């Protein structure tokens, strides 16, 4: 029979410890320490209490916990000495039914891993959805993790242990993140569509108005209709728009959503999570026959990434009247203009101005998004409240020196363009770190016509600089460009620089950020405020209405724009519950 929080909160210490037995392998002390924080208002709060208990322990205790875990498909499985929980988990992942070759490979990985790190490999083999990872994914994961730094791998093992405990806790309490599972499934199904040339490689790529992109739009619109939206359309730029009407015809709308295009060989959750979370909330309202004093408009933005055409934020920009007609003449790598692509997709270009929104008819814009970074993952916190979307400045530059013979040119007489850029890169790294939350990146670096035995005479490079406020960004940009000029002068080099993009910071509207904070607090998880280093559709909507964002923790170090991008259905459920709480707040405010 499933446990309840009421039972746990009212039980004696001894009874409560028995209830939580087996969550952490042979380590009841974690649950014992967490129980000191009773009463718990949610399972999420209990989970985080156990995270805190482990974090406060010694390094030796953490290492002992890792070593208490059995090897995957190891001797304990062979001798039937696994705990019942481990047996269940390894069975769900198919590890109790390996072929001789698979078994040999896994055991060799176990041996190699143990030799490198001094503890067994630990992986939450039931996976982000709780159903069990494929054996091929388990093997690939450990092949990859064998190359990690030992300190990082120790922490990654502990994060997986927390995930194992989370799934075991769910089982004990009969808890299933049902809506989180649905959102996870929608994203998996949508990822079946990928552009030609990438689909054949098993890679996810969906760029603007390709066949895969249009198939995604149709799939999203179909799910919106199934979920109970009153109106669903694909607009003049390819945005998928679903409207769930308010209680009265003059009701304002809460605007939300994110993008469904991807980078090349990207992940399944970037952008798309922000479409499906509110879609799940609308579906529940429809099932309950409930109308609100406001409507909900969910937009799957057609383009945010700028992969096929140089028109980043095309989808959300069109909603605020920022569609540049000059974009229509841009050509993709196959020579197809945007105008031709839009006509082929059946979009009505003349209607683009008509989709501009009247901001007075909206309460504001909120967006749920996977974090796309390691911060929440490293802190073991499931949700993050975005304080601001960083302002950014991008430059393409060239350092020009003198190409000369690598063997005959003395070191003190060189005009090495690459060394000048290398010096700048180290300065940019140091300068950005001074602020704590600024970032600076040289992402492109090229020595044209370079040769192994020639001192580089030219070096082309990019500069990407971001900070939570425009003033902070501008100060950093000024310092880095001044240092660039000083390096060139000191080394006898010449430099050119061109500003290619500048985006203003988009601080969250205080009243909307506070709503997110109340919603997260209601889930029993800690409040963690953070800036967003990445750009989002919310940046565009920020120009005409208040906006605020919620981040959802990613696993695999929070990596994004990468096939390893992932999150758990438990964390997705928490974001759905937080979104629902905002709806409830707005309903009370309107009463």
Protein backbone atom coordinates (compact mmCIF):
# COMPACT_ATOMS: atom_id res chain seq x y z
CA UNK A 1 0.00 0.00 0.00
CA UNK A 2 1.35 3.43 -0.97
CA UNK A 3 2.60 5.74 1.75
CA UNK A 4 1.29 9.27 2.28
CA UNK A 5 3.07 12.41 3.47
CA UNK A 6 0.59 12.62 6.34
CA UNK A 7 1.74 9.20 7.54
CA UNK A 8 5.40 10.13 7.23
CA UNK A 9 4.97 13.47 8.99
CA UNK A 10 3.07 11.97 11.93
CA UNK A 11 5.17 8.81 12.39
CA UNK A 12 7.76 8.36 15.12
CA UNK A 13 11.40 8.75 14.07
CA UNK A 14 11.85 4.98 14.06
CA UNK A 15 8.67 4.39 12.05
CA UNK A 16 9.53 7.12 9.55
CA UNK A 17 13.00 5.68 9.01
CA UNK A 18 11.50 2.28 8.23
CA UNK A 19 9.13 3.94 5.73
CA UNK A 20 12.11 5.44 3.87
CA UNK A 21 14.26 2.32 4.00
CA UNK A 22 16.12 1.46 0.81
CA UNK A 23 16.11 4.88 -0.85
CA UNK A 24 19.90 5.21 -0.69
CA UNK A 25 21.84 1.96 -1.08
CA UNK A 26 22.83 0.66 2.38
CA UNK A 27 22.84 4.27 3.66
CA UNK A 28 19.82 4.98 5.93
CA UNK A 29 21.65 7.91 7.54
CA UNK A 30 20.64 10.20 4.64
CA UNK A 31 16.91 9.69 5.20
CA UNK A 32 17.47 9.94 8.98
CA UNK A 33 19.13 13.36 8.62
CA UNK A 34 16.44 14.57 6.21
CA UNK A 35 13.62 13.57 8.56
CA UNK A 36 14.77 16.27 10.97
CA UNK A 37 13.14 18.77 8.58
CA UNK A 38 9.62 17.33 9.00
CA UNK A 39 6.84 18.16 8.31
CA UNK A 40 7.15 18.03 4.53
CA UNK A 41 4.61 19.77 2.32
CA UNK A 42 5.55 17.81 -0.80
CA UNK A 43 7.66 14.93 -2.05
CA UNK A 44 9.84 17.50 -3.80
CA UNK A 45 10.64 19.08 -0.44
CA UNK A 46 11.53 15.67 1.02
CA UNK A 47 13.75 14.92 -1.97
CA UNK A 48 15.63 18.19 -1.54
CA UNK A 49 16.02 17.60 2.20
CA UNK A 50 17.89 14.39 1.35
CA UNK A 51 20.01 16.30 -1.18
CA UNK A 52 20.94 18.74 1.59
CA UNK A 53 21.73 15.92 4.02
CA UNK A 54 24.19 14.36 1.59
CA UNK A 55 25.70 17.72 0.64
CA UNK A 56 26.45 18.43 4.31
CA UNK A 57 28.27 15.12 4.82
CA UNK A 58 32.00 14.49 4.58
CA UNK A 59 33.82 13.56 1.40
CA UNK A 60 34.47 10.12 2.86
CA UNK A 61 30.76 9.53 3.50
CA UNK A 62 29.97 10.52 -0.06
CA UNK A 63 32.61 8.14 -1.36
CA UNK A 64 31.29 5.36 0.87
CA UNK A 65 27.80 5.93 -0.53
CA UNK A 66 29.04 5.59 -4.11
CA UNK A 67 30.98 2.44 -3.23
CA UNK A 68 27.85 0.97 -1.63
CA UNK A 69 26.30 0.71 -5.10
CA UNK A 70 26.66 -2.48 -7.09
CA UNK A 71 28.26 -2.65 -10.50
CA UNK A 72 25.80 -2.78 -13.37
CA UNK A 73 25.37 -6.37 -14.56
CA UNK A 74 28.12 -7.26 -12.10
CA UNK A 75 28.83 -10.05 -9.65
CA UNK A 76 26.04 -9.03 -7.27
CA UNK A 77 23.51 -9.54 -10.03
CA UNK A 78 25.06 -12.86 -10.98
CA UNK A 79 24.96 -14.11 -7.37
CA UNK A 80 21.50 -12.69 -6.64
CA UNK A 81 22.82 -10.46 -3.84
CA UNK A 82 21.44 -7.16 -5.19
CA UNK A 83 18.95 -5.25 -3.06
CA UNK A 84 15.36 -5.61 -4.22
CA UNK A 85 15.44 -2.02 -5.47
CA UNK A 86 18.60 -2.54 -7.54
CA UNK A 87 17.26 -5.80 -8.96
CA UNK A 88 14.08 -4.01 -10.09
CA UNK A 89 16.04 -1.17 -11.70
CA UNK A 90 18.57 -3.32 -13.52
CA UNK A 91 15.73 -5.55 -14.73
CA UNK A 92 13.76 -2.61 -16.15
CA UNK A 93 16.87 -1.58 -18.11
CA UNK A 94 17.25 -5.09 -19.51
CA UNK A 95 20.56 -5.68 -17.74
CA UNK A 96 19.36 -9.00 -16.37
CA UNK A 97 18.95 -10.22 -19.94
CA UNK A 98 22.23 -9.32 -21.65
CA UNK A 99 23.81 -11.26 -24.49
CA UNK A 100 27.27 -12.73 -23.73
CA UNK A 101 28.90 -9.96 -25.82
CA UNK A 102 26.94 -7.21 -24.05
CA UNK A 103 27.77 -8.71 -20.67
CA UNK A 104 31.47 -8.89 -21.51
CA UNK A 105 31.49 -5.29 -22.73
CA UNK A 106 29.69 -3.95 -19.65
CA UNK A 107 31.97 -5.84 -17.29
CA UNK A 108 35.05 -4.52 -19.06
CA UNK A 109 33.63 -1.00 -18.67
CA UNK A 110 33.04 -1.70 -14.98
CA UNK A 111 36.68 -2.76 -14.60
CA UNK A 112 38.06 0.20 -16.55
CA UNK A 113 35.88 2.63 -14.63
CA UNK A 114 36.80 1.17 -11.24
CA UNK A 115 40.49 1.34 -12.15
CA UNK A 116 40.24 5.00 -13.18
CA UNK A 117 38.01 6.37 -10.44
CA UNK A 118 38.21 3.96 -7.52
CA UNK A 119 34.47 3.42 -7.27
CA UNK A 120 31.84 1.61 -9.34
CA UNK A 121 29.96 3.35 -12.16
CA UNK A 122 26.58 4.63 -10.97
CA UNK A 123 23.77 5.42 -13.38
CA UNK A 124 20.04 5.91 -12.81
CA UNK A 125 19.22 3.17 -15.31
CA UNK A 126 15.48 3.74 -15.14
CA UNK A 127 16.21 7.01 -16.93
CA UNK A 128 14.53 10.42 -17.15
CA UNK A 129 11.09 8.91 -17.79
CA UNK A 130 11.46 6.10 -15.25
CA UNK A 131 10.84 3.32 -17.77
CA UNK A 132 14.42 2.06 -18.16
CA UNK A 133 17.26 3.09 -20.46
CA UNK A 134 18.14 1.01 -23.51
CA UNK A 135 21.26 -1.11 -22.99
CA UNK A 136 22.99 0.67 -25.88
CA UNK A 137 22.48 4.03 -24.15
CA UNK A 138 23.81 2.68 -20.85
CA UNK A 139 26.95 1.42 -22.58
CA UNK A 140 27.43 4.67 -24.53
CA UNK A 141 27.01 6.69 -21.32
CA UNK A 142 29.77 4.87 -19.50
CA UNK A 143 32.06 4.96 -22.51
CA UNK A 144 31.62 8.74 -22.45
CA UNK A 145 31.91 9.14 -18.70
CA UNK A 146 35.17 7.20 -18.57
CA UNK A 147 36.85 10.36 -19.92
CA UNK A 148 35.50 12.72 -17.25
CA UNK A 149 37.66 14.39 -14.62
CA UNK A 150 37.59 12.33 -11.38
CA UNK A 151 36.12 15.18 -9.31
CA UNK A 152 33.37 15.77 -11.85
CA UNK A 153 32.62 12.07 -12.12
CA UNK A 154 32.26 11.74 -8.36
CA UNK A 155 29.64 14.50 -8.41
CA UNK A 156 27.93 12.97 -11.44
CA UNK A 157 27.67 9.67 -9.57
CA UNK A 158 26.04 11.47 -6.63
CA UNK A 159 23.56 13.21 -8.94
CA UNK A 160 22.59 9.84 -10.38
CA UNK A 161 22.20 8.46 -6.86
CA UNK A 162 19.74 11.25 -6.08
CA UNK A 163 17.80 10.38 -9.22
CA UNK A 164 17.73 6.72 -8.19
CA UNK A 165 16.41 7.77 -4.77
CA UNK A 166 13.79 10.02 -6.39
CA UNK A 167 12.38 7.15 -8.45
CA UNK A 168 12.41 4.81 -5.44
CA UNK A 169 10.60 7.46 -3.38
CA UNK A 170 7.98 7.83 -6.11
CA UNK A 171 7.43 4.07 -5.99
CA UNK A 172 7.02 4.06 -2.21
CA UNK A 173 4.42 6.84 -2.32
CA UNK A 174 2.66 5.57 -5.45
CA UNK A 175 3.44 8.88 -7.11
CA UNK A 176 3.55 9.26 -10.86
CA UNK A 177 4.38 12.56 -12.60
CA UNK A 178 1.53 11.93 -15.04
CA UNK A 179 1.52 15.30 -16.80
CA UNK A 180 5.31 15.39 -16.80
CA UNK A 181 5.27 12.02 -18.52
CA UNK A 182 2.84 13.35 -21.14
CA UNK A 183 5.03 16.38 -21.83
CA UNK A 184 8.09 14.13 -22.04
CA UNK A 185 6.24 11.87 -24.49
CA UNK A 186 5.10 14.78 -26.67
CA UNK A 187 8.70 15.92 -27.00
CA UNK A 188 9.90 12.43 -27.87
CA UNK A 189 7.23 12.04 -30.54
CA UNK A 190 7.93 15.46 -32.03
CA UNK A 191 11.62 14.52 -32.28
CA UNK A 192 10.69 11.84 -34.82
CA UNK A 193 10.66 14.63 -37.42
CA UNK A 194 14.10 15.71 -38.62
CA UNK A 195 15.48 17.39 -41.74
CA UNK A 196 16.66 15.35 -44.68
CA UNK A 197 20.32 14.45 -44.35
CA UNK A 198 20.09 14.41 -40.56
CA UNK A 199 17.21 12.01 -40.02
CA UNK A 200 19.22 9.29 -41.77
CA UNK A 201 22.00 9.76 -39.20
CA UNK A 202 19.63 9.66 -36.25
CA UNK A 203 20.22 13.36 -35.61
CA UNK A 204 17.56 15.94 -34.72
CA UNK A 205 17.58 19.00 -36.95
CA UNK A 206 14.48 21.06 -37.70
CA UNK A 207 15.10 24.29 -39.58
CA UNK A 208 12.63 26.88 -40.78
CA UNK A 209 9.96 25.66 -43.25
CA UNK A 210 11.60 22.37 -44.20
CA UNK A 211 9.36 19.32 -44.56
CA UNK A 212 10.24 18.29 -41.00
CA UNK A 213 9.47 21.77 -39.69
CA UNK A 214 6.07 21.79 -41.35
CA UNK A 215 5.36 18.28 -40.03
CA UNK A 216 6.15 19.52 -36.51
CA UNK A 217 3.72 22.41 -36.95
CA UNK A 218 0.98 20.02 -38.02
CA UNK A 219 1.70 17.66 -35.10
CA UNK A 220 1.62 20.50 -32.54
CA UNK A 221 -1.58 21.95 -33.98
CA UNK A 222 -3.20 18.49 -33.86
CA UNK A 223 -2.25 18.04 -30.19
CA UNK A 224 -3.54 21.53 -29.38
CA UNK A 225 -6.93 20.64 -30.85
CA UNK A 226 -6.96 17.37 -28.92
CA UNK A 227 -6.11 19.29 -25.75
CA UNK A 228 -9.19 21.49 -26.03
CA UNK A 229 -7.95 24.80 -27.42
CA UNK A 230 -10.82 26.81 -28.88
CA UNK A 231 -8.81 28.15 -31.81
CA UNK A 232 -5.73 26.69 -33.47
CA UNK A 233 -3.96 28.13 -36.50
CA UNK A 234 -0.63 28.23 -38.27
CA UNK A 235 -0.06 31.91 -38.93
CA UNK A 236 1.61 33.82 -41.76
CA UNK A 237 5.18 33.05 -40.60
CA UNK A 238 4.52 29.47 -39.47
CA UNK A 239 3.90 30.06 -35.77
CA UNK A 240 1.47 27.52 -34.30
CA UNK A 241 -1.06 29.45 -32.22
CA UNK A 242 -3.57 27.92 -29.80
CA UNK A 243 -6.10 30.02 -27.88
CA UNK A 244 -8.14 28.88 -24.91
CA UNK A 245 -10.80 31.53 -24.41
CA UNK A 246 -11.50 33.28 -21.16
CA UNK A 247 -14.87 33.41 -19.43
CA UNK A 248 -15.99 36.52 -21.29
CA UNK A 249 -15.44 37.74 -24.87
CA UNK A 250 -13.44 40.76 -23.67
CA UNK A 251 -11.05 38.70 -21.51
CA UNK A 252 -7.38 39.50 -21.86
CA UNK A 253 -4.92 36.70 -22.61
CA UNK A 254 -1.92 35.30 -20.83
CA UNK A 255 0.66 34.82 -23.60
CA UNK A 256 3.14 31.97 -23.37
CA UNK A 257 5.10 29.54 -25.52
CA UNK A 258 8.51 28.95 -27.06
CA UNK A 259 10.07 27.77 -30.32
CA UNK A 260 9.91 24.40 -32.08
CA UNK A 261 12.82 24.78 -34.52
CA UNK A 262 16.22 23.38 -33.48
CA UNK A 263 19.90 23.87 -34.10
CA UNK A 264 21.59 21.27 -36.28
CA UNK A 265 22.08 17.98 -34.46
CA UNK A 266 20.44 19.50 -31.40
CA UNK A 267 18.34 18.35 -28.46
CA UNK A 268 14.66 17.51 -28.02
CA UNK A 269 13.72 19.92 -25.25
CA UNK A 270 15.19 23.34 -26.10
CA UNK A 271 12.15 25.53 -26.79
CA UNK A 272 9.67 22.70 -27.12
CA UNK A 273 9.30 22.25 -23.36
CA UNK A 274 7.83 25.77 -23.24
CA UNK A 275 5.09 24.81 -25.71
CA UNK A 276 4.02 21.57 -24.09
CA UNK A 277 4.00 22.67 -20.42
CA UNK A 278 1.20 25.23 -20.93
CA UNK A 279 -0.49 22.86 -23.40
CA UNK A 280 -0.78 20.29 -20.60
CA UNK A 281 -2.23 22.96 -18.29
CA UNK A 282 -4.84 23.98 -20.88
CA UNK A 283 -5.79 20.34 -21.40
CA UNK A 284 -6.48 19.97 -17.68
CA UNK A 285 -8.61 23.14 -17.68
CA UNK A 286 -10.57 21.79 -20.65
CA UNK A 287 -11.06 18.39 -19.01
CA UNK A 288 -12.41 20.13 -15.90
CA UNK A 289 -14.69 22.35 -18.01
CA UNK A 290 -13.10 25.37 -16.36
CA UNK A 291 -12.97 28.89 -17.78
CA UNK A 292 -10.81 31.64 -16.31
CA UNK A 293 -11.24 35.40 -16.12
CA UNK A 294 -8.52 35.51 -18.80
CA UNK A 295 -7.65 33.42 -21.82
CA UNK A 296 -4.42 31.51 -22.47
CA UNK A 297 -2.63 31.86 -25.79
CA UNK A 298 0.16 29.36 -26.46
CA UNK A 299 2.50 30.04 -29.38
CA UNK A 300 4.90 27.54 -30.87
CA UNK A 301 7.29 30.02 -32.45
CA UNK A 302 8.38 28.90 -35.90
CA UNK A 303 11.93 30.21 -35.77
CA UNK A 304 14.28 31.27 -32.99
CA UNK A 305 17.63 29.69 -33.83
CA UNK A 306 18.54 31.40 -37.14
CA UNK A 307 19.83 28.19 -38.71
CA UNK A 308 18.42 28.21 -42.23
CA UNK A 309 18.25 31.97 -42.69
CA UNK A 310 19.93 34.80 -40.78
CA UNK A 311 16.68 35.87 -39.21
CA UNK A 312 16.88 34.94 -35.53
CA UNK A 313 13.65 35.38 -33.50
CA UNK A 314 11.63 35.59 -36.71
CA UNK A 315 8.60 33.92 -35.09
CA UNK A 316 8.37 36.03 -31.95
CA UNK A 317 9.61 39.14 -33.74
CA UNK A 318 6.68 38.99 -36.16
CA UNK A 319 4.27 39.07 -33.20
CA UNK A 320 5.62 42.46 -32.14
CA UNK A 321 5.81 43.90 -35.67
CA UNK A 322 9.51 43.31 -36.15
CA UNK A 323 9.48 41.26 -39.34
CA UNK A 324 12.08 42.69 -41.73
CA UNK A 325 10.83 42.46 -45.32
CA UNK A 326 14.46 42.34 -46.47
CA UNK A 327 14.68 38.86 -44.95
CA UNK A 328 12.48 37.56 -47.75
CA UNK A 329 15.40 37.84 -50.18
CA UNK A 330 17.82 35.85 -48.02
CA UNK A 331 18.93 32.54 -49.53
CA UNK A 332 19.65 29.27 -47.75
CA UNK A 333 22.62 27.07 -48.65
CA UNK A 334 20.61 25.57 -51.53
CA UNK A 335 19.83 29.00 -52.98
CA UNK A 336 16.16 28.97 -51.91
CA UNK A 337 14.96 32.38 -50.80
CA UNK A 338 12.84 32.82 -47.71
CA UNK A 339 10.06 34.15 -49.93
CA UNK A 340 10.14 30.96 -52.01
CA UNK A 341 10.17 28.78 -48.88
CA UNK A 342 7.18 30.62 -47.42
CA UNK A 343 5.23 30.40 -50.66
CA UNK A 344 6.02 26.68 -50.95
CA UNK A 345 4.74 26.19 -47.38
CA UNK A 346 1.47 27.91 -48.29
CA UNK A 347 2.05 30.90 -46.01
CA UNK A 348 0.47 34.22 -46.93
CA UNK A 349 3.29 36.76 -46.88
CA UNK A 350 0.88 39.68 -47.26
CA UNK A 351 -0.71 38.71 -43.93
CA UNK A 352 2.48 39.01 -41.89
CA UNK A 353 1.70 42.57 -40.66
CA UNK A 354 -1.72 41.35 -39.48
CA UNK A 355 -0.28 38.98 -36.86
CA UNK A 356 1.24 41.80 -34.80
CA UNK A 357 -0.27 41.64 -31.31
CA UNK A 358 -1.94 44.51 -29.49
CA UNK A 359 -0.10 44.41 -26.15
CA UNK A 360 -3.03 46.06 -24.33
CA UNK A 361 -5.00 42.84 -24.83
CA UNK A 362 -2.47 40.74 -22.92
CA UNK A 363 -1.60 40.34 -19.26
CA UNK A 364 2.01 39.54 -20.05
CA UNK A 365 4.28 36.81 -21.40
CA UNK A 366 5.79 33.90 -19.46
CA UNK A 367 8.06 31.19 -20.80
CA UNK A 368 9.21 27.85 -19.43
CA UNK A 369 12.56 26.69 -20.79
CA UNK A 370 15.17 24.05 -20.09
CA UNK A 371 18.12 25.79 -18.42
CA UNK A 372 20.69 24.96 -21.13
CA UNK A 373 23.47 25.09 -18.58
CA UNK A 374 25.01 23.23 -15.62
CA UNK A 375 24.02 25.44 -12.68
CA UNK A 376 20.75 23.83 -11.52
CA UNK A 377 22.14 20.38 -12.23
CA UNK A 378 25.22 20.97 -10.09
CA UNK A 379 23.11 22.41 -7.25
CA UNK A 380 20.56 19.57 -7.46
CA UNK A 381 17.75 22.14 -7.68
CA UNK A 382 14.92 21.39 -10.14
CA UNK A 383 13.66 24.90 -10.98
CA UNK A 384 15.31 28.29 -11.42
CA UNK A 385 13.72 31.75 -11.54
CA UNK A 386 15.17 33.89 -14.31
CA UNK A 387 16.01 37.42 -13.19
CA UNK A 388 17.11 38.72 -16.58
CA UNK A 389 17.95 37.54 -20.07
CA UNK A 390 21.48 38.72 -20.70
CA UNK A 391 22.19 41.54 -23.10
CA UNK A 392 24.75 40.57 -25.71
CA UNK A 393 27.19 42.07 -28.19
CA UNK A 394 28.81 40.09 -30.99
CA UNK A 395 31.78 41.09 -33.11
CA UNK A 396 33.72 39.54 -35.95
CA UNK A 397 37.32 40.67 -35.90
CA UNK A 398 40.63 40.18 -37.64
CA UNK A 399 44.12 40.60 -36.26
CA UNK A 400 46.66 41.37 -38.99
CA UNK A 401 50.39 40.95 -38.57
CA UNK A 402 53.12 39.64 -40.87
CA UNK A 403 53.43 36.09 -42.19
CA UNK A 404 57.04 34.96 -41.96
CA UNK A 405 59.23 31.84 -41.79
CA UNK A 406 58.70 29.94 -38.54
CA UNK A 407 62.31 28.78 -38.44
CA UNK A 408 64.17 31.96 -39.32
CA UNK A 409 62.11 34.69 -37.60
CA UNK A 410 63.42 35.35 -34.06
CA UNK A 411 60.81 35.38 -31.30
CA UNK A 412 61.37 39.06 -30.50
CA UNK A 413 60.83 40.11 -34.13
CA UNK A 414 57.58 38.33 -34.87
CA UNK A 415 54.26 40.00 -35.65
CA UNK A 416 52.23 36.89 -34.84
CA UNK A 417 48.51 37.59 -35.31
CA UNK A 418 47.45 34.33 -33.64
CA UNK A 419 49.46 35.06 -30.50
CA UNK A 420 47.77 38.46 -30.31
CA UNK A 421 44.35 36.82 -30.38
CA UNK A 422 45.46 34.19 -27.86
CA UNK A 423 46.47 36.98 -25.48
CA UNK A 424 43.09 38.64 -25.98
CA UNK A 425 41.24 35.37 -25.30
CA UNK A 426 42.93 34.99 -21.92
CA UNK A 427 42.16 38.61 -21.06
CA UNK A 428 38.48 38.22 -22.08
CA UNK A 429 38.21 35.13 -19.87
CA UNK A 430 39.68 36.99 -16.90
CA UNK A 431 37.67 40.18 -17.46
CA UNK A 432 34.31 38.42 -17.73
CA UNK A 433 35.04 36.41 -14.59
CA UNK A 434 35.47 39.64 -12.59
CA UNK A 435 31.72 40.26 -12.76
CA UNK A 436 30.68 36.78 -11.68
CA UNK A 437 27.76 36.58 -14.08
CA UNK A 438 29.21 38.09 -17.28
CA UNK A 439 30.52 35.79 -20.02
CA UNK A 440 32.86 36.34 -22.95
CA UNK A 441 33.63 33.80 -25.65
CA UNK A 442 35.85 33.51 -28.69
CA UNK A 443 33.87 30.83 -30.48
CA UNK A 444 35.36 31.08 -33.97
CA UNK A 445 39.10 31.16 -34.57
CA UNK A 446 40.75 30.84 -37.96
CA UNK A 447 44.22 31.33 -39.42
CA UNK A 448 43.51 31.75 -43.15
CA UNK A 449 45.95 29.82 -45.34
CA UNK A 450 47.84 28.80 -42.22
CA UNK A 451 50.83 26.50 -42.47
CA UNK A 452 52.76 24.53 -39.86
CA UNK A 453 56.00 26.36 -40.65
CA UNK A 454 54.66 29.91 -41.08
CA UNK A 455 54.18 32.55 -38.37
CA UNK A 456 50.47 33.50 -38.69
CA UNK A 457 50.05 36.81 -40.50
CA UNK A 458 46.27 36.94 -40.10
CA UNK A 459 43.81 35.58 -37.57
CA UNK A 460 40.04 35.90 -37.84
CA UNK A 461 37.96 35.49 -34.69
CA UNK A 462 34.61 36.20 -33.09
CA UNK A 463 33.73 37.85 -29.79
CA UNK A 464 30.49 37.11 -27.96
CA UNK A 465 29.99 39.12 -24.76
CA UNK A 466 26.93 38.89 -22.49
CA UNK A 467 25.80 40.27 -19.14
CA UNK A 468 22.54 40.62 -17.18
CA UNK A 469 22.36 44.41 -17.67
CA UNK A 470 23.22 46.64 -20.59
CA UNK A 471 25.53 48.76 -18.42
CA UNK A 472 27.46 45.71 -17.22
CA UNK A 473 27.72 44.38 -20.76
CA UNK A 474 28.85 47.72 -22.16
CA UNK A 475 31.55 48.12 -19.51
CA UNK A 476 32.93 44.67 -20.30
CA UNK A 477 32.78 45.28 -24.06
CA UNK A 478 34.62 48.58 -23.62
CA UNK A 479 37.38 46.97 -21.56
CA UNK A 480 37.86 44.01 -23.93
CA UNK A 481 37.94 46.20 -27.05
CA UNK A 482 40.39 48.57 -25.35
CA UNK A 483 42.63 45.63 -24.49
CA UNK A 484 42.35 44.39 -28.08
CA UNK A 485 43.64 47.75 -29.31
CA UNK A 486 46.43 47.77 -26.71
CA UNK A 487 47.57 44.26 -27.65
CA UNK A 488 47.67 45.22 -31.31
CA UNK A 489 49.70 48.34 -30.54
CA UNK A 490 52.13 46.52 -28.28
CA UNK A 491 52.71 43.68 -30.74
CA UNK A 492 52.89 45.81 -33.88
CA UNK A 493 49.62 44.40 -35.25
CA UNK A 494 46.58 45.90 -36.89
CA UNK A 495 43.02 44.98 -35.95
CA UNK A 496 39.59 45.34 -37.52
CA UNK A 497 36.29 44.74 -35.73
CA UNK A 498 32.67 44.78 -36.82
CA UNK A 499 29.64 44.75 -34.54
CA UNK A 500 27.33 42.11 -36.02
CA UNK A 501 24.62 41.88 -33.35
CA UNK A 502 23.60 43.72 -30.23
CA UNK A 503 20.64 42.72 -28.08
CA UNK A 504 19.44 44.58 -25.04
CA UNK A 505 19.12 42.81 -21.72
CA UNK A 506 15.58 41.79 -20.82
CA UNK A 507 15.11 41.94 -17.04
CA UNK A 508 12.11 40.05 -15.73
CA UNK A 509 9.14 42.21 -14.77
CA UNK A 510 9.24 42.27 -10.93
CA UNK A 511 5.56 41.38 -10.45
CA UNK A 512 5.84 38.40 -12.83
CA UNK A 513 9.11 37.20 -11.32
CA UNK A 514 7.40 37.30 -7.92
CA UNK A 515 4.56 35.17 -9.29
CA UNK A 516 7.08 32.57 -10.42
CA UNK A 517 8.74 32.71 -7.00
CA UNK A 518 5.42 32.07 -5.22
CA UNK A 519 4.69 29.23 -7.63
CA UNK A 520 8.06 27.56 -7.05
CA UNK A 521 7.88 28.01 -3.28
CA UNK A 522 4.47 26.30 -3.31
CA UNK A 523 6.15 23.15 -4.71
CA UNK A 524 8.41 22.93 -1.68
CA UNK A 525 11.64 23.41 -3.60
CA UNK A 526 14.19 26.16 -2.88
CA UNK A 527 14.07 29.50 -4.65
CA UNK A 528 17.09 29.97 -6.88
CA UNK A 529 17.37 33.14 -8.93
CA UNK A 530 19.66 33.27 -11.94
CA UNK A 531 20.23 35.20 -15.16
CA UNK A 532 19.81 33.57 -18.55
CA UNK A 533 22.95 33.62 -20.65
CA UNK A 534 21.06 32.37 -23.70
CA UNK A 535 18.63 34.40 -25.78
CA UNK A 536 14.94 33.48 -25.80
CA UNK A 537 11.69 34.48 -27.47
CA UNK A 538 10.83 36.25 -24.20
CA UNK A 539 13.44 38.88 -25.18
CA UNK A 540 11.27 39.96 -28.10
CA UNK A 541 8.00 40.00 -26.18
CA UNK A 542 9.79 41.99 -23.46
CA UNK A 543 9.83 44.92 -25.86
CA UNK A 544 6.04 45.30 -25.73
CA UNK A 545 4.80 43.61 -22.53
CA UNK A 546 6.03 42.37 -19.12
CA UNK A 547 7.77 38.98 -19.19
CA UNK A 548 9.36 36.47 -16.87
CA UNK A 549 10.85 33.01 -17.33
CA UNK A 550 11.19 29.76 -15.42
CA UNK A 551 14.13 27.41 -15.97
CA UNK A 552 13.88 23.63 -15.64
CA UNK A 553 16.97 21.63 -14.69
CA UNK A 554 18.68 19.64 -17.40
CA UNK A 555 20.61 16.43 -16.79
CA UNK A 556 23.92 15.40 -18.40
CA UNK A 557 25.50 18.56 -16.94
CA UNK A 558 22.62 20.59 -18.32
CA UNK A 559 24.08 20.37 -21.82
CA UNK A 560 21.97 21.87 -24.61
CA UNK A 561 22.18 22.28 -28.38
CA UNK A 562 23.39 18.71 -28.20
CA UNK A 563 21.79 15.26 -28.56
CA UNK A 564 22.55 14.62 -24.86
CA UNK A 565 20.16 17.41 -23.84
CA UNK A 566 17.58 15.96 -21.46
CA UNK A 567 15.46 16.51 -18.38
CA UNK A 568 13.34 14.28 -16.17
CA UNK A 569 9.59 13.95 -16.27
CA UNK A 570 9.62 14.69 -12.51
CA UNK A 571 11.17 18.11 -13.11
CA UNK A 572 8.79 18.72 -15.99
CA UNK A 573 5.90 17.92 -13.66
CA UNK A 574 7.17 20.51 -11.19
CA UNK A 575 7.23 23.14 -13.95
CA UNK A 576 3.64 22.22 -14.90
CA UNK A 577 2.58 22.51 -11.26
CA UNK A 578 4.33 25.90 -11.02
CA UNK A 579 2.64 27.10 -14.21
CA UNK A 580 -0.72 25.95 -12.83
CA UNK A 581 -0.01 27.91 -9.65
CA UNK A 582 0.53 31.09 -11.68
CA UNK A 583 -2.83 30.52 -13.36
CA UNK A 584 -4.40 30.19 -9.91
CA UNK A 585 -2.66 33.37 -8.70
CA UNK A 586 -3.97 35.33 -11.68
CA UNK A 587 -7.46 33.95 -11.10
CA UNK A 588 -7.40 35.13 -7.46
CA UNK A 589 -6.06 38.54 -8.47
CA UNK A 590 -8.94 38.96 -10.91
CA UNK A 591 -11.60 38.00 -8.31
